[in-house]
Amino acid sequence: MKKLKIRLLGFLNFCCMFVVLGTQALLHGSWTVREPKPVRAEGVGNDSRM
């Protein structure tokens, strides 16, 4: 009976790690932050004020 409990706990531990690591791998792409592209407006930097 003790061997069965140990094997069952090992299997449950494996299943939990599989779910946690799989979820982490799937969410990895959604957690990355992309650098925003610079916005260029016409007339900026030309100092066209009068």
C-alpha atoms as a PDB file:
ATOM      1  CA  MET A   1       0.000   0.000   0.000  1.00  0.00           C
ATOM      2  CA  LYS A   2       2.874   2.371   0.754  1.00  0.00           C
ATOM      3  CA  LYS A   3       4.423   1.795  -2.689  1.00  0.00           C
ATOM      4  CA  LEU A   4       1.109   2.645  -4.298  1.00  0.00           C
ATOM      5  CA  LYS A   5       0.900   5.967  -2.428  1.00  0.00           C
ATOM      6  CA  ILE A   6       4.454   6.881  -3.415  1.00  0.00           C
ATOM      7  CA  ARG A   7       3.819   6.046  -7.071  1.00  0.00           C
ATOM      8  CA  LEU A   8       0.526   7.933  -7.033  1.00  0.00           C
ATOM      9  CA  LEU A   9       2.152  11.024  -5.498  1.00  0.00           C
ATOM     10  CA  GLY A  10       4.940  10.874  -8.083  1.00  0.00           C
ATOM     11  CA  PHE A  11       2.411  10.642 -10.892  1.00  0.00           C
ATOM     12  CA  LEU A  12       0.349  13.545  -9.523  1.00  0.00           C
ATOM     13  CA  ASN A  13       3.512  15.618  -9.138  1.00  0.00           C
ATOM     14  CA  PHE A  14       4.412  14.892 -12.765  1.00  0.00           C
ATOM     15  CA  CYS A  15       0.922  15.880 -13.950  1.00  0.00           C
ATOM     16  CA  CYS A  16       1.005  19.155 -12.023  1.00  0.00           C
ATOM     17  CA  MET A  17       4.440  20.062 -13.386  1.00  0.00           C
ATOM     18  CA  PHE A  18       3.316  19.164 -16.905  1.00  0.00           C
ATOM     19  CA  VAL A  19       0.304  21.490 -16.641  1.00  0.00           C
ATOM     20  CA  VAL A  20       2.281  24.340 -15.048  1.00  0.00           C
ATOM     21  CA  LEU A  21       5.180  24.225 -17.502  1.00  0.00           C
ATOM     22  CA  GLY A  22       2.869  23.770 -20.488  1.00  0.00           C
ATOM     23  CA  THR A  23       0.796  26.779 -19.456  1.00  0.00           C
ATOM     24  CA  GLN A  24       3.940  28.823 -18.935  1.00  0.00           C
ATOM     25  CA  ALA A  25       5.198  27.901 -22.407  1.00  0.00           C
ATOM     26  CA  LEU A  26       1.868  28.819 -23.998  1.00  0.00           C
ATOM     27  CA  LEU A  27       1.683  32.169 -22.220  1.00  0.00           C
ATOM     28  CA  HIS A  28       5.300  33.088 -22.934  1.00  0.00           C
ATOM     29  CA  GLY A  29       4.441  34.893 -26.167  1.00  0.00           C
ATOM     30  CA  SER A  30       1.696  36.986 -24.606  1.00  0.00           C
ATOM     31  CA  TRP A  31       3.991  38.301 -21.861  1.00  0.00           C
ATOM     32  CA  THR A  32       6.637  39.759 -24.172  1.00  0.00           C
ATOM     33  CA  VAL A  33       6.643  43.544 -24.497  1.00  0.00           C
ATOM     34  CA  ARG A  34       7.333  44.920 -27.947  1.00  0.00           C
ATOM     35  CA  GLU A  35       9.112  48.214 -28.486  1.00  0.00           C
ATOM     36  CA  PRO A  36       6.724  50.797 -29.948  1.00  0.00           C
ATOM     37  CA  LYS A  37       7.613  52.182 -33.351  1.00  0.00           C
ATOM     38  CA  PRO A  38       8.479  55.887 -33.349  1.00  0.00           C
ATOM     39  CA  VAL A  39       5.716  58.067 -34.732  1.00  0.00           C
ATOM     40  CA  ARG A  40       6.809  60.569 -37.355  1.00  0.00           C
ATOM     41  CA  ALA A  41       4.695  63.628 -37.991  1.00  0.00           C
ATOM     42  CA  GLU A  42       5.182  65.948 -40.935  1.00  0.00           C
ATOM     43  CA  GLY A  43       6.644  69.322 -40.092  1.00  0.00           C
ATOM     44  CA  VAL A  44       8.194  68.187 -36.830  1.00  0.00           C
ATOM     45  CA  GLY A  45      11.816  69.176 -36.590  1.00  0.00           C
ATOM     46  CA  ASN A  46      11.636  71.699 -39.427  1.00  0.00           C
ATOM     47  CA  ASP A  47      10.842  74.557 -37.035  1.00  0.00           C
ATOM     48  CA  SER A  48       8.263  76.047 -39.396  1.00  0.00           C
ATOM     49  CA  ARG A  49       6.866  78.403 -36.730  1.00  0.00           C
ATOM     50  CA  MET A  50       6.664  82.116 -37.598  1.00  0.00           C
END
